[in-house]
Every structure is written in C-alpha cells, then in structure tokens.
C-alpha cells in the first residue's frame, strides 16, 4: 500500500491502525490479519525506495471460499470506502 500524497506517514499509520484495522478485523471468516509498516532503514536501496511502499497488509483465510465470502461482504464494502480516505495506491496478490 502507498499512502495518499497529502498524508503524512504518521497520519497514514494512525488511520491504518486505529480506523482501518478494526474494519478489516470484522471480515467474516478472516483467520488472521497482519499490518507490516515500512520503516526507514539503512538497508533500503534506491529501487525499493522508489516504489514508495508504506506497508503490506496480510490477510489469512482457511480456504478460497472463505476469502471470497469476505471479499463479497458488507464489511469489505465498508473497508473499500474507508480506503479512499488514506490509501493512494494498492496492489493485491493472492497466494496459496
């Protein structure tokens, strides 16, 4: 995820943790939810910094049916509305 350009990193993180996180935790059939916040590091290279990634959410489901149930839920719809308030760009990867 990348934050909206107008948001500071602190405001982005607070919203993700305190507002968005609880919305995600309400998804039906969600097994586990992890927020990985990107931090400044001397180990970061220019290519990585150029991606402007502010964090990685990881959602765990027992199976694809549970994932689909969550993605088609009212809770996901509410989460999508909230995302427009602080997320500038997002890519989704689904892995087994």
PDB file of N, CA and C in Angstrom:
ATOM      1  N   UNK A   1       0.843  -1.182   0.000  1.00  0.00           N
ATOM      2  CA  UNK A   1       0.000   0.000   0.000  1.00  0.00           C
ATOM      3  C   UNK A   1       0.881   1.234   0.000  1.00  0.00           C
ATOM      4  N   UNK A   2       0.373   2.256  -0.622  1.00  0.00           N
ATOM      5  CA  UNK A   2       1.027   3.560  -0.615  1.00  0.00           C
ATOM      6  C   UNK A   2       0.010   4.572  -0.105  1.00  0.00           C
ATOM      7  N   UNK A   3       0.464   5.459   0.735  1.00  0.00           N
ATOM      8  CA  UNK A   3      -0.444   6.471   1.289  1.00  0.00           C
ATOM      9  C   UNK A   3      -0.742   7.550   0.245  1.00  0.00           C
ATOM     10  N   UNK A   4      -1.820   8.266   0.480  1.00  0.00           N
ATOM     11  CA  UNK A   4      -2.126   9.416  -0.364  1.00  0.00           C
ATOM     12  C   UNK A   4      -1.028  10.451  -0.185  1.00  0.00           C
ATOM     13  N   UNK A   5      -0.703  11.144  -1.267  1.00  0.00           N
ATOM     14  CA  UNK A   5       0.380  12.128  -1.250  1.00  0.00           C
ATOM     15  C   UNK A   5       0.178  13.210  -0.191  1.00  0.00           C
ATOM     16  N   UNK A   6      -1.056  13.583   0.084  1.00  0.00           N
ATOM     17  CA  UNK A   6      -1.326  14.670   1.027  1.00  0.00           C
ATOM     18  C   UNK A   6      -1.183  14.254   2.492  1.00  0.00           C
ATOM     19  N   UNK A   7      -1.067  12.957   2.756  1.00  0.00           N
ATOM     20  CA  UNK A   7      -0.996  12.479   4.139  1.00  0.00           C
ATOM     21  C   UNK A   7       0.439  12.286   4.604  1.00  0.00           C
ATOM     22  N   UNK A   8       0.700  12.679   5.834  1.00  0.00           N
ATOM     23  CA  UNK A   8       1.997  12.378   6.444  1.00  0.00           C
ATOM     24  C   UNK A   8       2.036  10.884   6.752  1.00  0.00           C
ATOM     25  N   UNK A   9       3.220  10.360   6.909  1.00  0.00           N
ATOM     26  CA  UNK A   9       3.352   8.940   7.241  1.00  0.00           C
ATOM     27  C   UNK A   9       2.701   8.641   8.593  1.00  0.00           C
ATOM     28  N   UNK A  10       2.818   9.561   9.543  1.00  0.00           N
ATOM     29  CA  UNK A  10       2.211   9.330  10.861  1.00  0.00           C
ATOM     30  C   UNK A  10       0.691   9.294  10.788  1.00  0.00           C
ATOM     31  N   UNK A  11       0.119  10.197  10.025  1.00  0.00           N
ATOM     32  CA  UNK A  11      -1.345  10.207   9.879  1.00  0.00           C
ATOM     33  C   UNK A  11      -1.826   8.949   9.155  1.00  0.00           C
ATOM     34  N   UNK A  12      -1.086   8.543   8.129  1.00  0.00           N
ATOM     35  CA  UNK A  12      -1.409   7.315   7.410  1.00  0.00           C
ATOM     36  C   UNK A  12      -1.393   6.123   8.361  1.00  0.00           C
ATOM     37  N   UNK A  13      -0.332   5.975   9.135  1.00  0.00           N
ATOM     38  CA  UNK A  13      -0.204   4.832  10.053  1.00  0.00           C
ATOM     39  C   UNK A  13      -1.296   4.833  11.113  1.00  0.00           C
ATOM     40  N   UNK A  14      -1.622   6.001  11.670  1.00  0.00           N
ATOM     41  CA  UNK A  14      -2.670   6.087  12.699  1.00  0.00           C
ATOM     42  C   UNK A  14      -4.009   5.646  12.116  1.00  0.00           C
ATOM     43  N   UNK A  15      -4.315   6.110  10.901  1.00  0.00           N
ATOM     44  CA  UNK A  15      -5.588   5.732  10.286  1.00  0.00           C
ATOM     45  C   UNK A  15      -5.615   4.229   9.999  1.00  0.00           C
ATOM     46  N   UNK A  16      -4.523   3.715   9.464  1.00  0.00           N
ATOM     47  CA  UNK A  16      -4.462   2.293   9.140  1.00  0.00           C
ATOM     48  C   UNK A  16      -4.631   1.448  10.402  1.00  0.00           C
ATOM     49  N   UNK A  17      -3.949   1.833  11.475  1.00  0.00           N
ATOM     50  CA  UNK A  17      -4.024   1.075  12.722  1.00  0.00           C
ATOM     51  C   UNK A  17      -5.363   1.225  13.430  1.00  0.00           C
ATOM     52  N   UNK A  18      -5.805   2.457  13.618  1.00  0.00           N
ATOM     53  CA  UNK A  18      -6.920   2.730  14.520  1.00  0.00           C
ATOM     54  C   UNK A  18      -8.297   2.742  13.875  1.00  0.00           C
ATOM     55  N   UNK A  19      -8.360   3.014  12.578  1.00  0.00           N
ATOM     56  CA  UNK A  19      -9.650   3.075  11.889  1.00  0.00           C
ATOM     57  C   UNK A  19      -9.814   1.888  10.944  1.00  0.00           C
ATOM     58  N   UNK A  20      -8.858   1.735  10.047  1.00  0.00           N
ATOM     59  CA  UNK A  20      -8.968   0.708   9.012  1.00  0.00           C
ATOM     60  C   UNK A  20      -8.787  -0.703   9.572  1.00  0.00           C
ATOM     61  N   UNK A  21      -7.827  -0.866  10.454  1.00  0.00           N
ATOM     62  CA  UNK A  21      -7.552  -2.187  11.017  1.00  0.00           C
ATOM     63  C   UNK A  21      -8.780  -2.855  11.630  1.00  0.00           C
ATOM     64  N   UNK A  22      -9.515  -2.159  12.491  1.00  0.00           N
ATOM     65  CA  UNK A  22     -10.724  -2.772  13.049  1.00  0.00           C
ATOM     66  C   UNK A  22     -11.770  -3.135  11.996  1.00  0.00           C
ATOM     67  N   UNK A  23     -11.846  -2.357  10.915  1.00  0.00           N
ATOM     68  CA  UNK A  23     -12.776  -2.707   9.834  1.00  0.00           C
ATOM     69  C   UNK A  23     -12.376  -4.027   9.189  1.00  0.00           C
ATOM     70  N   UNK A  24     -11.086  -4.204   8.944  1.00  0.00           N
ATOM     71  CA  UNK A  24     -10.603  -5.454   8.346  1.00  0.00           C
ATOM     72  C   UNK A  24     -10.844  -6.623   9.296  1.00  0.00           C
ATOM     73  N   UNK A  25     -10.593  -6.410  10.576  1.00  0.00           N
ATOM     74  CA  UNK A  25     -10.765  -7.491  11.559  1.00  0.00           C
ATOM     75  C   UNK A  25     -12.210  -7.989  11.648  1.00  0.00           C
ATOM     76  N   UNK A  26     -13.157  -7.220  11.140  1.00  0.00           N
ATOM     77  CA  UNK A  26     -14.565  -7.622  11.151  1.00  0.00           C
ATOM     78  C   UNK A  26     -14.941  -8.496   9.960  1.00  0.00           C
ATOM     79  N   UNK A  27     -14.017  -8.736   9.031  1.00  0.00           N
ATOM     80  CA  UNK A  27     -14.336  -9.565   7.868  1.00  0.00           C
ATOM     81  C   UNK A  27     -14.783 -10.955   8.309  1.00  0.00           C
ATOM     82  N   UNK A  28     -15.838 -11.467   7.691  1.00  0.00           N
ATOM     83  CA  UNK A  28     -16.234 -12.843   8.004  1.00  0.00           C
ATOM     84  C   UNK A  28     -15.149 -13.826   7.550  1.00  0.00           C
ATOM     85  N   UNK A  29     -14.929 -14.842   8.345  1.00  0.00           N
ATOM     86  CA  UNK A  29     -14.010 -15.950   8.032  1.00  0.00           C
ATOM     87  C   UNK A  29     -12.536 -15.547   7.988  1.00  0.00           C
ATOM     88  N   UNK A  30     -12.212 -14.342   8.439  1.00  0.00           N
ATOM     89  CA  UNK A  30     -10.814 -13.935   8.483  1.00  0.00           C
ATOM     90  C   UNK A  30     -10.106 -14.702   9.597  1.00  0.00           C
ATOM     91  N   UNK A  31      -9.034 -15.377   9.253  1.00  0.00           N
ATOM     92  CA  UNK A  31      -8.279 -16.169  10.224  1.00  0.00           C
ATOM     93  C   UNK A  31      -7.271 -15.300  10.973  1.00  0.00           C
ATOM     94  N   UNK A  32      -6.580 -14.418  10.236  1.00  0.00           N
ATOM     95  CA  UNK A  32      -5.520 -13.598  10.831  1.00  0.00           C
ATOM     96  C   UNK A  32      -5.289 -12.375   9.947  1.00  0.00           C
ATOM     97  N   UNK A  33      -4.909 -11.277  10.576  1.00  0.00           N
ATOM     98  CA  UNK A  33      -4.631 -10.033   9.861  1.00  0.00           C
ATOM     99  C   UNK A  33      -3.354  -9.429  10.425  1.00  0.00           C
ATOM    100  N   UNK A  34      -2.427  -9.084   9.538  1.00  0.00           N
ATOM    101  CA  UNK A  34      -1.152  -8.505   9.938  1.00  0.00           C
ATOM    102  C   UNK A  34      -0.920  -7.231   9.136  1.00  0.00           C
ATOM    103  N   UNK A  35      -0.490  -6.184   9.813  1.00  0.00           N
ATOM    104  CA  UNK A  35      -0.073  -4.960   9.139  1.00  0.00           C
ATOM    105  C   UNK A  35       1.449  -4.876   9.226  1.00  0.00           C
ATOM    106  N   UNK A  36       2.107  -4.795   8.101  1.00  0.00           N
ATOM    107  CA  UNK A  36       3.564  -4.643   8.041  1.00  0.00           C
ATOM    108  C   UNK A  36       3.855  -3.217   7.586  1.00  0.00           C
ATOM    109  N   UNK A  37       4.282  -2.379   8.512  1.00  0.00           N
ATOM    110  CA  UNK A  37       4.562  -0.975   8.220  1.00  0.00           C
ATOM    111  C   UNK A  37       6.007  -0.825   7.773  1.00  0.00           C
ATOM    112  N   UNK A  38       6.210  -0.221   6.604  1.00  0.00           N
ATOM    113  CA  UNK A  38       7.562   0.018   6.096  1.00  0.00           C
ATOM    114  C   UNK A  38       8.224   1.096   6.946  1.00  0.00           C
ATOM    115  N   UNK A  39       9.486   0.884   7.266  1.00  0.00           N
ATOM    116  CA  UNK A  39      10.229   1.854   8.067  1.00  0.00           C
ATOM    117  C   UNK A  39      11.484   2.275   7.324  1.00  0.00           C
ATOM    118  N   UNK A  40      12.008   3.421   7.666  1.00  0.00           N
ATOM    119  CA  UNK A  40      13.283   3.855   7.089  1.00  0.00           C
ATOM    120  C   UNK A  40      14.381   2.931   7.583  1.00  0.00           C
ATOM    121  N   UNK A  41      15.292   2.587   6.698  1.00  0.00           N
ATOM    122  CA  UNK A  41      16.373   1.676   7.056  1.00  0.00           C
ATOM    123  C   UNK A  41      17.595   1.959   6.200  1.00  0.00           C
ATOM    124  N   UNK A  42      18.750   1.815   6.792  1.00  0.00           N
ATOM    125  CA  UNK A  42      19.979   1.962   6.014  1.00  0.00           C
ATOM    126  C   UNK A  42      20.122   0.823   5.015  1.00  0.00           C
ATOM    127  N   UNK A  43      19.352  -0.246   5.207  1.00  0.00           N
ATOM    128  CA  UNK A  43      19.412  -1.394   4.304  1.00  0.00           C
ATOM    129  C   UNK A  43      18.581  -1.185   3.036  1.00  0.00           C
ATOM    130  N   UNK A  44      17.758  -0.133   2.996  1.00  0.00           N
ATOM    131  CA  UNK A  44      16.913   0.112   1.829  1.00  0.00           C
ATOM    132  C   UNK A  44      17.756   0.570   0.650  1.00  0.00           C
ATOM    133  N   UNK A  45      17.412   0.072  -0.528  1.00  0.00           N
ATOM    134  CA  UNK A  45      18.133   0.511  -1.729  1.00  0.00           C
ATOM    135  C   UNK A  45      17.262   1.497  -2.518  1.00  0.00           C
ATOM    136  N   UNK A  46      17.867   2.159  -3.491  1.00  0.00           N
ATOM    137  CA  UNK A  46      17.160   3.181  -4.269  1.00  0.00           C
ATOM    138  C   UNK A  46      15.955   2.623  -5.009  1.00  0.00           C
ATOM    139  N   UNK A  47      16.092   1.428  -5.547  1.00  0.00           N
ATOM    140  CA  UNK A  47      14.970   0.826  -6.279  1.00  0.00           C
ATOM    141  C   UNK A  47      13.786   0.598  -5.351  1.00  0.00           C
ATOM    142  N   UNK A  48      14.050   0.064  -4.175  1.00  0.00           N
ATOM    143  CA  UNK A  48      12.980  -0.164  -3.204  1.00  0.00           C
ATOM    144  C   UNK A  48      12.342   1.127  -2.734  1.00  0.00           C
ATOM    145  N   UNK A  49      13.169   2.127  -2.459  1.00  0.00           N
ATOM    146  CA  UNK A  49      12.642   3.420  -2.030  1.00  0.00           C
ATOM    147  C   UNK A  49      11.793   4.063  -3.118  1.00  0.00           C
ATOM    148  N   UNK A  50      12.154   3.830  -4.359  1.00  0.00           N
ATOM    149  CA  UNK A  50      11.414   4.400  -5.480  1.00  0.00           C
ATOM    150  C   UNK A  50       9.997   3.855  -5.610  1.00  0.00           C
ATOM    151  N   UNK A  51       9.738   2.708  -5.042  1.00  0.00           N
ATOM    152  CA  UNK A  51       8.399   2.125  -5.093  1.00  0.00           C
ATOM    153  C   UNK A  51       7.407   2.867  -4.194  1.00  0.00           C
ATOM    154  N   UNK A  52       7.953   3.585  -3.205  1.00  0.00           N
ATOM    155  CA  UNK A  52       7.123   4.342  -2.262  1.00  0.00           C
ATOM    156  C   UNK A  52       6.068   3.468  -1.597  1.00  0.00           C
ATOM    157  N   UNK A  53       6.473   2.321  -1.108  1.00  0.00           N
ATOM    158  CA  UNK A  53       5.564   1.425  -0.393  1.00  0.00           C
ATOM    159  C   UNK A  53       5.578   1.798   1.085  1.00  0.00           C
ATOM    160  N   UNK A  54       4.405   2.021   1.640  1.00  0.00           N
ATOM    161  CA  UNK A  54       4.296   2.389   3.051  1.00  0.00           C
ATOM    162  C   UNK A  54       3.906   1.219   3.942  1.00  0.00           C
ATOM    163  N   UNK A  55       3.458   0.119   3.346  1.00  0.00           N
ATOM    164  CA  UNK A  55       3.121  -1.037   4.160  1.00  0.00           C
ATOM    165  C   UNK A  55       2.502  -2.156   3.353  1.00  0.00           C
ATOM    166  N   UNK A  56       2.438  -3.301   4.013  1.00  0.00           N
ATOM    167  CA  UNK A  56       1.873  -4.504   3.413  1.00  0.00           C
ATOM    168  C   UNK A  56       0.845  -5.101   4.372  1.00  0.00           C
ATOM    169  N   UNK A  57      -0.413  -5.123   4.003  1.00  0.00           N
ATOM    170  CA  UNK A  57      -1.372  -5.861   4.809  1.00  0.00           C
ATOM    171  C   UNK A  57      -1.369  -7.326   4.365  1.00  0.00           C
ATOM    172  N   UNK A  58      -1.491  -8.218   5.323  1.00  0.00           N
ATOM    173  CA  UNK A  58      -1.565  -9.648   5.007  1.00  0.00           C
ATOM    174  C   UNK A  58      -2.820 -10.200   5.677  1.00  0.00           C
ATOM    175  N   UNK A  59      -3.691 -10.775   4.869  1.00  0.00           N
ATOM    176  CA  UNK A  59      -4.924 -11.375   5.368  1.00  0.00           C
ATOM    177  C   UNK A  59      -4.865 -12.871   5.152  1.00  0.00           C
ATOM    178  N   UNK A  60      -5.224 -13.621   6.170  1.00  0.00           N
ATOM    179  CA  UNK A  60      -5.189 -15.081   6.107  1.00  0.00           C
ATOM    180  C   UNK A  60      -6.606 -15.638   6.189  1.00  0.00           C
ATOM    181  N   UNK A  61      -6.889 -16.578   5.292  1.00  0.00           N
ATOM    182  CA  UNK A  61      -8.157 -17.298   5.284  1.00  0.00           C
ATOM    183  C   UNK A  61      -7.863 -18.780   5.206  1.00  0.00           C
ATOM    184  N   UNK A  62      -8.770 -19.611   5.703  1.00  0.00           N
ATOM    185  CA  UNK A  62      -8.563 -21.059   5.665  1.00  0.00           C
ATOM    186  C   UNK A  62      -8.623 -21.621   4.256  1.00  0.00           C
ATOM    187  N   UNK A  63      -9.422 -20.991   3.406  1.00  0.00           N
ATOM    188  CA  UNK A  63      -9.566 -21.504   2.041  1.00  0.00           C
ATOM    189  C   UNK A  63     -10.093 -20.393   1.140  1.00  0.00           C
ATOM    190  N   UNK A  64     -10.146 -20.681  -0.145  1.00  0.00           N
ATOM    191  CA  UNK A  64     -10.562 -19.666  -1.107  1.00  0.00           C
ATOM    192  C   UNK A  64     -12.028 -19.293  -0.942  1.00  0.00           C
ATOM    193  N   UNK A  65     -12.868 -20.238  -0.545  1.00  0.00           N
ATOM    194  CA  UNK A  65     -14.286 -19.908  -0.322  1.00  0.00           C
ATOM    195  C   UNK A  65     -14.437 -18.877   0.790  1.00  0.00           C
ATOM    196  N   UNK A  66     -13.662 -19.024   1.865  1.00  0.00           N
ATOM    197  CA  UNK A  66     -13.707 -18.043   2.953  1.00  0.00           C
ATOM    198  C   UNK A  66     -13.214 -16.675   2.476  1.00  0.00           C
ATOM    199  N   UNK A  67     -12.174 -16.670   1.658  1.00  0.00           N
ATOM    200  CA  UNK A  67     -11.660 -15.405   1.117  1.00  0.00           C
ATOM    201  C   UNK A  67     -12.721 -14.728   0.254  1.00  0.00           C
ATOM    202  N   UNK A  68     -13.367 -15.500  -0.599  1.00  0.00           N
ATOM    203  CA  UNK A  68     -14.413 -14.937  -1.454  1.00  0.00           C
ATOM    204  C   UNK A  68     -15.578 -14.413  -0.625  1.00  0.00           C
ATOM    205  N   UNK A  69     -15.949 -15.143   0.424  1.00  0.00           N
ATOM    206  CA  UNK A  69     -17.027 -14.703   1.306  1.00  0.00           C
ATOM    207  C   UNK A  69     -16.689 -13.338   1.918  1.00  0.00           C
ATOM    208  N   UNK A  70     -15.453 -13.181   2.358  1.00  0.00           N
ATOM    209  CA  UNK A  70     -15.026 -11.906   2.943  1.00  0.00           C
ATOM    210  C   UNK A  70     -15.032 -10.805   1.895  1.00  0.00           C
ATOM    211  N   UNK A  71     -14.529 -11.100   0.721  1.00  0.00           N
ATOM    212  CA  UNK A  71     -14.420 -10.081  -0.320  1.00  0.00           C
ATOM    213  C   UNK A  71     -15.771  -9.657  -0.877  1.00  0.00           C
ATOM    214  N   UNK A  72     -16.794 -10.447  -0.658  1.00  0.00           N
ATOM    215  CA  UNK A  72     -18.133 -10.108  -1.134  1.00  0.00           C
ATOM    216  C   UNK A  72     -19.024  -9.576  -0.009  1.00  0.00           C
ATOM    217  N   UNK A  73     -18.442  -9.335   1.158  1.00  0.00           N
ATOM    218  CA  UNK A  73     -19.221  -8.960   2.338  1.00  0.00           C
ATOM    219  C   UNK A  73     -19.446  -7.454   2.450  1.00  0.00           C
ATOM    220  N   UNK A  74     -20.419  -7.112   3.272  1.00  0.00           N
ATOM    221  CA  UNK A  74     -20.673  -5.706   3.592  1.00  0.00           C
ATOM    222  C   UNK A  74     -19.481  -5.104   4.328  1.00  0.00           C
ATOM    223  N   UNK A  75     -18.793  -5.932   5.111  1.00  0.00           N
ATOM    224  CA  UNK A  75     -17.616  -5.455   5.840  1.00  0.00           C
ATOM    225  C   UNK A  75     -16.502  -5.034   4.877  1.00  0.00           C
ATOM    226  N   UNK A  76     -16.326  -5.792   3.806  1.00  0.00           N
ATOM    227  CA  UNK A  76     -15.331  -5.426   2.787  1.00  0.00           C
ATOM    228  C   UNK A  76     -15.763  -4.158   2.069  1.00  0.00           C
ATOM    229  N   UNK A  77     -17.035  -4.021   1.792  1.00  0.00           N
ATOM    230  CA  UNK A  77     -17.532  -2.813   1.134  1.00  0.00           C
ATOM    231  C   UNK A  77     -17.243  -1.582   1.993  1.00  0.00           C
ATOM    232  N   UNK A  78     -17.453  -1.682   3.302  1.00  0.00           N
ATOM    233  CA  UNK A  78     -17.146  -0.575   4.215  1.00  0.00           C
ATOM    234  C   UNK A  78     -15.651  -0.285   4.231  1.00  0.00           C
ATOM    235  N   UNK A  79     -14.858  -1.322   4.186  1.00  0.00           N
ATOM    236  CA  UNK A  79     -13.410  -1.175   4.166  1.00  0.00           C
ATOM    237  C   UNK A  79     -12.961  -0.477   2.884  1.00  0.00           C
ATOM    238  N   UNK A  80     -13.562  -0.810   1.772  1.00  0.00           N
ATOM    239  CA  UNK A  80     -13.216  -0.177   0.497  1.00  0.00           C
ATOM    240  C   UNK A  80     -13.541   1.317   0.508  1.00  0.00           C
ATOM    241  N   UNK A  81     -14.641   1.693   1.137  1.00  0.00           N
ATOM    242  CA  UNK A  81     -14.998   3.106   1.268  1.00  0.00           C
ATOM    243  C   UNK A  81     -13.951   3.811   2.120  1.00  0.00           C
ATOM    244  N   UNK A  82     -13.570   3.201   3.238  1.00  0.00           N
ATOM    245  CA  UNK A  82     -12.572   3.808   4.117  1.00  0.00           C
ATOM    246  C   UNK A  82     -11.210   3.932   3.427  1.00  0.00           C
ATOM    247  N   UNK A  83     -10.863   2.970   2.605  1.00  0.00           N
ATOM    248  CA  UNK A  83      -9.566   3.004   1.918  1.00  0.00           C
ATOM    249  C   UNK A  83      -9.382   4.281   1.116  1.00  0.00           C
ATOM    250  N   UNK A  84     -10.467   4.799   0.568  1.00  0.00           N
ATOM    251  CA  UNK A  84     -10.382   6.021  -0.233  1.00  0.00           C
ATOM    252  C   UNK A  84      -9.959   7.237   0.585  1.00  0.00           C
ATOM    253  N   UNK A  85     -10.019   7.135   1.909  1.00  0.00           N
ATOM    254  CA  UNK A  85      -9.660   8.248   2.777  1.00  0.00           C
ATOM    255  C   UNK A  85      -8.166   8.353   3.055  1.00  0.00           C
ATOM    256  N   UNK A  86      -7.413   7.256   2.813  1.00  0.00           N
ATOM    257  CA  UNK A  86      -5.997   7.314   3.164  1.00  0.00           C
ATOM    258  C   UNK A  86      -5.063   6.553   2.228  1.00  0.00           C
ATOM    259  N   UNK A  87      -5.560   5.635   1.433  1.00  0.00           N
ATOM    260  CA  UNK A  87      -4.717   4.846   0.535  1.00  0.00           C
ATOM    261  C   UNK A  87      -4.619   5.532  -0.815  1.00  0.00           C
ATOM    262  N   UNK A  88      -3.378   5.723  -1.291  1.00  0.00           N
ATOM    263  CA  UNK A  88      -3.172   6.329  -2.596  1.00  0.00           C
ATOM    264  C   UNK A  88      -3.085   5.304  -3.700  1.00  0.00           C
ATOM    265  N   UNK A  89      -2.508   4.151  -3.399  1.00  0.00           N
ATOM    266  CA  UNK A  89      -2.372   3.077  -4.389  1.00  0.00           C
ATOM    267  C   UNK A  89      -2.242   1.753  -3.638  1.00  0.00           C
ATOM    268  N   UNK A  90      -2.755   0.707  -4.262  1.00  0.00           N
ATOM    269  CA  UNK A  90      -2.675  -0.612  -3.641  1.00  0.00           C
ATOM    270  C   UNK A  90      -2.604  -1.658  -4.746  1.00  0.00           C
ATOM    271  N   UNK A  91      -1.862  -2.694  -4.492  1.00  0.00           N
ATOM    272  CA  UNK A  91      -1.834  -3.868  -5.371  1.00  0.00           C
ATOM    273  C   UNK A  91      -2.204  -5.072  -4.525  1.00  0.00           C
ATOM    274  N   UNK A  92      -2.970  -5.969  -5.091  1.00  0.00           N
ATOM    275  CA  UNK A  92      -3.369  -7.166  -4.350  1.00  0.00           C
ATOM    276  C   UNK A  92      -2.713  -8.382  -4.959  1.00  0.00           C
ATOM    277  N   UNK A  93      -2.217  -9.232  -4.106  1.00  0.00           N
ATOM    278  CA  UNK A  93      -1.629 -10.506  -4.508  1.00  0.00           C
ATOM    279  C   UNK A  93      -2.337 -11.584  -3.721  1.00  0.00           C
ATOM    280  N   UNK A  94      -2.788 -12.610  -4.418  1.00  0.00           N
ATOM    281  CA  UNK A  94      -3.438 -13.739  -3.767  1.00  0.00           C
ATOM    282  C   UNK A  94      -2.521 -14.943  -3.926  1.00  0.00           C
ATOM    283  N   UNK A  95      -2.162 -15.542  -2.805  1.00  0.00           N
ATOM    284  CA  UNK A  95      -1.242 -16.677  -2.825  1.00  0.00           C
ATOM    285  C   UNK A  95      -1.835 -17.833  -2.047  1.00  0.00           C
ATOM    286  N   UNK A  96      -1.432 -19.011  -2.420  1.00  0.00           N
ATOM    287  CA  UNK A  96      -1.893 -20.219  -1.750  1.00  0.00           C
ATOM    288  C   UNK A  96      -0.762 -20.753  -0.887  1.00  0.00           C
TER     289      UNK A  96
END
